[in-house]
Amino acid sequence: MKADGLMKARAAALLILSLLMVGCDDKPEEGKGFAGLADDAASYAQVTPDKRFSFPEDHGPHNDFRIEWWYITANLKDAAGQSFGVQWTLFRNALPRSKNAPGNDQGWSNRNLWMGHAAVTSENDHYAAERYARGGIGQTGVTLAPFSAWIDDWALSSKASGDDPLADMHLQASGPHFHYQLRLTSSKPLVLQGKQGFSQKSEQGQASYYYSQPFFLADGSVEIDGKTYQVNGPAWLDREWSSQPLTENQTGWDWFSLHLKDGAEVMLYRMRQKDGEPYLTGTWINGDGSTQLLEGKDIALEPQDTTDVEGRDMPTRWSVKIPGKDLNITVEALNPQAWMNLQIPYWEGPVQVSGSQEGVGYLEMTGY
């Protein structure tokens, strides 16, 4: 009975999520932003510029907002110098509710739907898997004491004993062709993206709350098609939550997280629009964790080459210029075929950096 109930819970969550998320088809619906993220959000909490972040509380869920995610990427190498990428994401999506209605009740009155994505990428292979769950029934969630974000046996959990739960983390996930376990450690501070964590996504004011830990060091194992590799390298945590991060004119985004050889980190967002030029924003992160907001005038971000991926022309080679930082680089996919062929499809994979600086990073492209 327990297994049967779990299967029914998963099926129900998948059905409801599929109906809610309008971006489930191969192409975004005309007149809508990617995955329904431009839909009216009047019944949810709103993102405003005056938030003061509080940790560890803000590592946990924000149930009054419609969408949020806990997101890890890692650029890894084994002893032979082979490159790999790992992605792990837990999404929380809230059903509509009145402004005063609770959203985190136990059992089926809980109004949160959860989705997990995990992937591994090498130069020749890319495998992705997904999980779905309904909140309130113990199958998924995020707790703070100790910190743990999980869906089934996929988990991002704190191993730290001090005040910073993100100082020492354990990450694991698996799919039909892969498995990975990583330890993530960092002694450097969190980074508030945008203007003190208020990350604007359009001229009309759409925004998210957004912070990162871009200084993780990862160490562990990655298994692909039955072969295990001992790996290490830099990793990046992103945390975002919002209720309406896109306008109806925005069809998707191109997002970059870059680890540069000199110790700097760079985050860039390119929000594509049906009409008009893309909206550009980003953050320059120095090695000590201090930051500088990057506006559109500071960034030149242009596709240089495309690859046929599942019948789409995907830009897998980019020119990135930030003149104020003397940065003139090419960013190229390790594996151009890193298509996340999931219920909500998108491109996600590791990239390599060359030019005025060398480095590695991750690229996510949605709405194509």
Protein backbone atom coordinates (compact mmCIF):
# COMPACT_ATOMS: atom_id res chain seq x y z
CA MET A 1 0.00 0.00 0.00
CA LYS A 2 2.84 2.40 0.85
CA ALA A 3 4.51 1.90 -2.56
CA ASP A 4 1.17 2.20 -4.33
CA GLY A 5 0.44 5.45 -2.50
CA LEU A 6 3.85 6.83 -3.44
CA MET A 7 3.30 5.99 -7.10
CA LYS A 8 -0.09 7.70 -7.03
CA ALA A 9 1.43 10.78 -5.38
CA ARG A 10 4.09 11.02 -8.07
CA ALA A 11 1.56 10.56 -10.85
CA ALA A 12 -0.72 13.23 -9.41
CA ALA A 13 2.14 15.68 -8.98
CA LEU A 14 3.32 15.10 -12.54
CA LEU A 15 -0.19 15.57 -13.95
CA ILE A 16 -0.85 18.78 -12.02
CA LEU A 17 2.58 20.20 -12.79
CA SER A 18 2.17 19.42 -16.47
CA LEU A 19 -1.14 21.28 -16.54
CA LEU A 20 0.25 24.27 -14.65
CA MET A 21 3.53 24.76 -16.46
CA VAL A 22 2.74 26.08 -19.91
CA GLY A 23 6.29 25.60 -21.14
CA CYS A 24 6.10 21.82 -21.24
CA ASP A 25 5.77 21.60 -25.02
CA ASP A 26 8.80 21.69 -27.28
CA LYS A 27 8.23 25.38 -27.99
CA PRO A 28 6.96 28.06 -25.59
CA GLU A 29 3.30 29.02 -26.05
CA GLU A 30 2.84 32.15 -28.14
CA GLY A 31 2.22 35.18 -25.95
CA LYS A 32 3.61 33.55 -22.80
CA GLY A 33 6.99 33.69 -21.15
CA PHE A 34 8.98 30.49 -20.77
CA ALA A 35 7.28 27.84 -18.55
CA GLY A 36 4.47 30.17 -17.50
CA LEU A 37 6.83 32.50 -15.63
CA ALA A 38 5.10 35.57 -17.09
CA ASP A 39 1.65 34.54 -15.87
CA ASP A 40 -0.23 36.88 -13.54
CA ALA A 41 1.10 36.58 -9.99
CA ALA A 42 -1.36 38.73 -8.04
CA SER A 43 -2.13 35.91 -5.58
CA TYR A 44 1.54 35.46 -4.63
CA ALA A 45 4.09 37.51 -2.71
CA GLN A 46 5.95 40.11 -4.78
CA VAL A 47 9.66 40.79 -5.18
CA THR A 48 10.58 44.31 -4.03
CA PRO A 49 13.97 46.06 -3.79
CA ASP A 50 13.93 46.50 -0.01
CA LYS A 51 14.49 42.92 1.20
CA ARG A 52 17.10 42.26 3.85
CA PHE A 53 18.47 38.75 3.55
CA SER A 54 18.77 36.64 6.68
CA PHE A 55 20.79 33.44 6.91
CA PRO A 56 20.36 30.59 7.49
CA GLU A 57 16.61 31.32 7.19
CA ASP A 58 16.78 32.31 3.52
CA HIS A 59 18.35 28.97 2.64
CA GLY A 60 14.89 27.53 3.30
CA PRO A 61 11.66 27.70 1.25
CA HIS A 62 9.65 30.89 0.71
CA ASN A 63 6.16 29.48 0.40
CA ASP A 64 4.42 32.78 -0.36
CA PHE A 65 6.28 33.03 -3.69
CA ARG A 66 5.33 31.02 -6.76
CA ILE A 67 8.67 29.59 -7.89
CA GLU A 68 12.11 29.00 -6.41
CA TRP A 69 15.06 26.70 -6.84
CA TRP A 70 18.17 25.29 -5.19
CA TYR A 71 20.68 24.77 -7.97
CA ILE A 72 24.18 23.29 -8.15
CA THR A 73 26.58 23.01 -11.07
CA ALA A 74 30.11 21.63 -10.94
CA ASN A 75 32.97 21.63 -13.45
CA LEU A 76 35.03 18.54 -12.73
CA LYS A 77 38.15 16.72 -13.94
CA ASP A 78 39.58 13.31 -13.23
CA ALA A 79 43.25 12.41 -12.79
CA ALA A 80 43.65 11.92 -16.54
CA GLY A 81 42.37 15.43 -17.27
CA GLN A 82 38.98 14.38 -18.65
CA SER A 83 36.30 17.02 -18.13
CA PHE A 84 32.82 16.43 -16.69
CA GLY A 85 29.87 18.53 -15.65
CA VAL A 86 27.29 17.85 -12.95
CA GLN A 87 23.95 19.58 -12.44
CA TRP A 88 21.48 19.21 -9.56
CA THR A 89 18.33 21.32 -9.17
CA LEU A 90 15.33 21.21 -6.84
CA PHE A 91 12.38 23.39 -7.90
CA ARG A 92 9.42 24.40 -5.73
CA ASN A 93 6.31 25.55 -7.58
CA ALA A 94 3.29 26.81 -5.62
CA LEU A 95 -0.30 26.28 -6.64
CA PRO A 96 -2.45 29.46 -6.72
CA ARG A 97 -3.72 30.61 -3.33
CA SER A 98 -5.21 33.62 -1.64
CA LYS A 99 -2.63 35.98 -0.14
CA ASN A 100 -3.41 34.88 3.43
CA ALA A 101 -3.73 31.14 2.78
CA PRO A 102 -0.96 28.90 4.15
CA GLY A 103 1.06 26.98 1.61
CA ASN A 104 3.17 24.60 3.69
CA ASP A 105 0.55 22.45 5.47
CA GLN A 106 1.14 18.77 5.90
CA GLY A 107 -0.58 16.17 3.72
CA TRP A 108 -2.53 16.90 0.57
CA SER A 109 -3.51 20.38 1.76
CA ASN A 110 0.09 21.39 1.05
CA ARG A 111 0.07 23.58 -2.06
CA ASN A 112 3.65 23.07 -3.21
CA LEU A 113 4.68 20.92 -6.15
CA TRP A 114 8.33 19.93 -6.39
CA MET A 115 10.52 18.90 -9.30
CA GLY A 116 14.11 17.64 -9.34
CA HIS A 117 16.52 17.69 -12.27
CA ALA A 118 19.91 15.99 -12.34
CA ALA A 119 22.42 15.55 -15.15
CA VAL A 120 25.98 14.56 -15.96
CA THR A 121 27.91 15.64 -19.03
CA SER A 122 31.17 14.54 -20.58
CA GLU A 123 32.70 15.42 -23.92
CA ASN A 124 30.79 12.54 -25.55
CA ASP A 125 27.81 11.83 -23.29
CA HIS A 126 24.97 13.71 -21.64
CA TYR A 127 22.39 12.09 -19.38
CA ALA A 128 19.53 13.78 -17.54
CA ALA A 129 16.81 12.57 -15.18
CA GLU A 130 13.87 14.13 -13.33
CA ARG A 131 11.73 13.51 -10.27
CA TYR A 132 8.33 14.92 -9.20
CA ALA A 133 6.63 15.10 -5.83
CA ARG A 134 3.82 16.79 -3.93
CA GLY A 135 4.81 18.70 -0.80
CA GLY A 136 3.57 17.74 2.64
CA ILE A 137 3.80 13.95 2.32
CA GLY A 138 7.48 13.46 3.22
CA GLN A 139 8.76 12.67 -0.26
CA THR A 140 10.51 16.01 -0.75
CA GLY A 141 11.25 19.30 0.94
CA VAL A 142 13.84 21.63 2.45
CA THR A 143 14.72 21.79 6.15
CA LEU A 144 17.08 24.14 7.99
CA ALA A 145 18.22 22.33 11.13
CA PRO A 146 20.24 20.73 9.72
CA PHE A 147 19.95 22.06 6.19
CA SER A 148 18.78 19.48 3.67
CA ALA A 149 17.07 19.80 0.28
CA TRP A 150 15.83 16.48 -1.11
CA ILE A 151 13.48 14.69 -3.43
CA ASP A 152 13.41 10.92 -2.95
CA ASP A 153 17.06 9.86 -2.56
CA TRP A 154 18.47 12.91 -4.37
CA ALA A 155 19.82 15.27 -1.75
CA LEU A 156 21.88 18.37 -1.01
CA SER A 157 22.64 18.16 2.70
CA SER A 158 24.80 20.06 5.14
CA LYS A 159 27.64 18.33 6.97
CA ALA A 160 28.81 21.54 8.67
CA SER A 161 28.76 21.86 12.47
CA GLY A 162 29.22 25.64 12.65
CA ASP A 163 27.05 28.67 11.91
CA ASP A 164 27.32 28.32 8.11
CA PRO A 165 25.39 25.26 6.90
CA LEU A 166 26.80 25.72 3.39
CA ALA A 167 30.43 25.42 4.50
CA ASP A 168 30.42 21.64 4.05
CA MET A 169 27.79 19.94 1.89
CA HIS A 170 27.05 16.51 0.44
CA LEU A 171 25.39 16.16 -2.97
CA GLN A 172 24.02 13.01 -4.59
CA ALA A 173 21.74 11.98 -7.45
CA SER A 174 21.35 9.15 -9.94
CA GLY A 175 19.63 8.20 -13.17
CA PRO A 176 19.48 5.14 -15.44
CA HIS A 177 22.98 5.85 -16.84
CA PHE A 178 24.70 7.85 -14.10
CA HIS A 179 25.33 8.38 -10.42
CA TYR A 180 27.33 10.98 -8.55
CA GLN A 181 28.35 11.82 -5.01
CA LEU A 182 30.22 15.02 -4.24
CA ARG A 183 31.47 16.88 -1.20
CA LEU A 184 31.19 20.66 -1.57
CA THR A 185 33.20 22.95 0.71
CA SER A 186 33.84 26.68 0.91
CA SER A 187 35.15 29.19 3.44
CA LYS A 188 34.24 32.24 1.35
CA PRO A 189 31.12 34.41 1.75
CA LEU A 190 27.81 34.16 -0.06
CA VAL A 191 27.24 36.60 -2.93
CA LEU A 192 24.09 38.72 -3.30
CA GLN A 193 23.36 39.08 -7.01
CA GLY A 194 21.97 42.24 -8.62
CA LYS A 195 21.39 45.12 -6.19
CA GLN A 196 21.87 43.53 -2.77
CA GLY A 197 20.03 40.41 -3.90
CA PHE A 198 17.34 42.16 -5.97
CA SER A 199 18.01 40.82 -9.48
CA GLN A 200 16.05 42.74 -12.11
CA LYS A 201 15.12 40.80 -15.25
CA SER A 202 13.38 43.44 -17.42
CA GLU A 203 12.96 47.16 -17.99
CA GLN A 204 9.40 46.72 -16.68
CA GLY A 205 10.72 45.69 -13.28
CA GLN A 206 10.34 41.90 -13.22
CA ALA A 207 12.86 40.55 -10.73
CA SER A 208 13.89 37.73 -8.43
CA TYR A 209 15.62 37.47 -5.09
CA TYR A 210 18.95 35.88 -5.94
CA TYR A 211 22.11 34.85 -4.11
CA SER A 212 24.95 32.46 -4.90
CA GLN A 213 27.83 30.54 -3.43
CA PRO A 214 30.21 30.55 -6.42
CA PHE A 215 33.28 29.45 -4.47
CA PHE A 216 32.54 25.81 -3.75
CA LEU A 217 35.27 23.22 -4.25
CA ALA A 218 33.86 19.83 -5.23
CA ASP A 219 35.45 16.42 -4.68
CA GLY A 220 33.97 12.97 -5.19
CA SER A 221 32.91 10.46 -7.80
CA VAL A 222 30.91 10.44 -11.02
CA GLU A 223 29.68 7.19 -12.57
CA ILE A 224 28.67 7.12 -16.25
CA ASP A 225 27.53 3.92 -17.99
CA GLY A 226 29.00 1.79 -15.20
CA LYS A 227 32.45 3.44 -15.13
CA THR A 228 33.43 5.49 -12.08
CA TYR A 229 35.68 8.54 -12.17
CA GLN A 230 37.25 10.26 -9.16
CA VAL A 231 36.86 13.98 -9.81
CA ASN A 232 37.32 17.45 -8.38
CA GLY A 233 36.84 21.05 -9.44
CA PRO A 234 34.88 24.26 -8.82
CA ALA A 235 31.13 24.28 -8.14
CA TRP A 236 28.43 26.95 -7.94
CA LEU A 237 25.22 27.20 -5.91
CA ASP A 238 22.37 29.46 -7.08
CA ARG A 239 19.28 30.33 -5.05
CA GLU A 240 16.44 32.28 -6.67
CA TRP A 241 12.81 32.86 -5.84
CA SER A 242 10.15 35.01 -7.43
CA SER A 243 6.49 35.05 -8.48
CA GLN A 244 6.69 36.62 -11.95
CA PRO A 245 10.32 36.84 -13.16
CA LEU A 246 9.48 37.26 -16.87
CA THR A 247 7.35 39.57 -18.99
CA GLU A 248 5.05 38.19 -21.69
CA ASN A 249 7.53 39.60 -24.23
CA GLN A 250 10.38 37.46 -22.87
CA THR A 251 10.70 33.99 -24.39
CA GLY A 252 13.56 32.60 -22.29
CA TRP A 253 17.07 33.27 -21.09
CA ASP A 254 20.74 32.46 -21.61
CA TRP A 255 22.53 32.22 -18.25
CA PHE A 256 26.27 31.94 -17.68
CA SER A 257 28.27 31.14 -14.54
CA LEU A 258 32.01 31.41 -15.17
CA HIS A 259 34.99 30.48 -13.01
CA LEU A 260 37.98 32.46 -14.32
CA LYS A 261 41.59 31.37 -13.85
CA ASP A 262 42.57 34.50 -11.91
CA GLY A 263 39.99 33.72 -9.22
CA ALA A 264 37.17 35.98 -10.37
CA GLU A 265 33.65 34.65 -10.98
CA VAL A 266 31.11 36.04 -13.45
CA MET A 267 27.32 35.63 -13.63
CA LEU A 268 25.49 36.83 -16.75
CA TYR A 269 21.79 36.81 -17.72
CA ARG A 270 20.56 37.45 -21.26
CA MET A 271 16.75 37.64 -21.27
CA ARG A 272 15.55 37.20 -24.85
CA GLN A 273 12.51 39.14 -26.08
CA LYS A 274 10.11 38.68 -28.98
CA ASP A 275 10.32 42.41 -29.66
CA GLY A 276 13.41 44.48 -28.92
CA GLU A 277 16.94 43.76 -27.83
CA PRO A 278 17.70 41.23 -25.07
CA TYR A 279 17.83 42.49 -21.50
CA LEU A 280 21.36 41.99 -20.13
CA THR A 281 22.47 41.94 -16.52
CA GLY A 282 25.21 40.30 -14.48
CA THR A 283 27.62 40.38 -11.57
CA TRP A 284 31.40 40.55 -11.47
CA ILE A 285 32.60 38.67 -8.38
CA ASN A 286 36.13 39.24 -7.13
CA GLY A 287 38.10 36.47 -5.46
CA ASP A 288 37.38 37.92 -2.00
CA GLY A 289 33.62 37.86 -2.61
CA SER A 290 33.18 41.59 -3.28
CA THR A 291 30.95 42.33 -6.26
CA GLN A 292 30.13 44.83 -8.99
CA LEU A 293 26.76 45.00 -10.72
CA LEU A 294 27.00 44.67 -14.50
CA GLU A 295 24.37 46.47 -16.57
CA GLY A 296 23.57 46.05 -20.25
CA LYS A 297 25.96 48.82 -21.28
CA ASP A 298 28.81 46.95 -19.55
CA ILE A 299 28.32 43.66 -21.41
CA ALA A 300 28.70 42.50 -25.02
CA LEU A 301 27.27 38.99 -25.29
CA GLU A 302 26.80 37.51 -28.76
CA PRO A 303 26.31 33.98 -30.17
CA GLN A 304 29.13 32.97 -32.53
CA ASP A 305 28.13 29.50 -33.70
CA THR A 306 25.13 27.19 -33.45
CA THR A 307 24.61 23.45 -33.24
CA ASP A 308 21.62 21.41 -34.39
CA VAL A 309 20.28 20.01 -31.11
CA GLU A 310 17.01 18.06 -31.24
CA GLY A 311 15.97 20.05 -34.31
CA ARG A 312 16.85 23.42 -32.78
CA ASP A 313 19.65 25.82 -33.67
CA MET A 314 21.30 26.21 -30.28
CA PRO A 315 24.06 28.82 -29.77
CA THR A 316 26.86 26.71 -28.29
CA ARG A 317 29.74 29.13 -28.88
CA TRP A 318 29.61 32.70 -27.56
CA SER A 319 31.66 35.87 -27.52
CA VAL A 320 31.68 37.56 -24.10
CA LYS A 321 33.18 41.00 -23.63
CA ILE A 322 33.24 43.13 -20.49
CA PRO A 323 35.48 46.06 -21.50
CA GLY A 324 35.56 47.58 -18.03
CA LYS A 325 37.24 44.39 -16.76
CA ASP A 326 39.45 43.86 -19.86
CA LEU A 327 37.59 40.61 -20.48
CA ASN A 328 37.37 39.37 -24.08
CA ILE A 329 36.66 35.66 -24.13
CA THR A 330 35.07 32.85 -26.09
CA VAL A 331 32.73 30.52 -24.19
CA GLU A 332 32.17 27.13 -25.85
CA ALA A 333 30.17 24.07 -24.85
CA LEU A 334 32.11 21.01 -23.74
CA ASN A 335 29.35 18.90 -25.30
CA PRO A 336 27.04 20.81 -27.68
CA GLN A 337 24.39 18.07 -27.36
CA ALA A 338 23.68 18.76 -23.68
CA TRP A 339 19.92 18.91 -24.18
CA MET A 340 17.76 18.31 -21.10
CA ASN A 341 15.07 16.20 -22.77
CA LEU A 342 12.71 16.39 -19.80
CA GLN A 343 9.09 17.40 -19.21
CA ILE A 344 10.25 21.03 -19.42
CA PRO A 345 13.09 20.85 -21.98
CA TYR A 346 16.10 23.17 -22.11
CA TRP A 347 19.85 23.16 -22.77
CA GLU A 348 22.25 22.90 -19.83
CA GLY A 349 25.91 21.99 -19.83
CA PRO A 350 29.51 22.80 -18.92
CA VAL A 351 31.49 25.33 -20.96
CA GLN A 352 35.15 26.13 -21.50
CA VAL A 353 36.60 29.65 -21.54
CA SER A 354 39.46 30.91 -23.74
CA GLY A 355 40.81 34.30 -24.80
CA SER A 356 41.99 37.04 -22.49
CA GLN A 357 41.32 34.61 -19.64
CA GLU A 358 40.92 30.87 -19.34
CA GLY A 359 38.35 29.13 -17.23
CA VAL A 360 35.30 26.88 -17.03
CA GLY A 361 31.65 27.36 -16.24
CA TYR A 362 28.07 26.47 -17.03
CA LEU A 363 25.54 27.66 -19.59
CA GLU A 364 21.76 27.31 -19.39
CA MET A 365 19.51 28.20 -22.35
CA THR A 366 15.72 28.08 -22.09
CA GLY A 367 12.83 28.76 -24.44
CA TYR A 368 14.41 27.62 -27.71
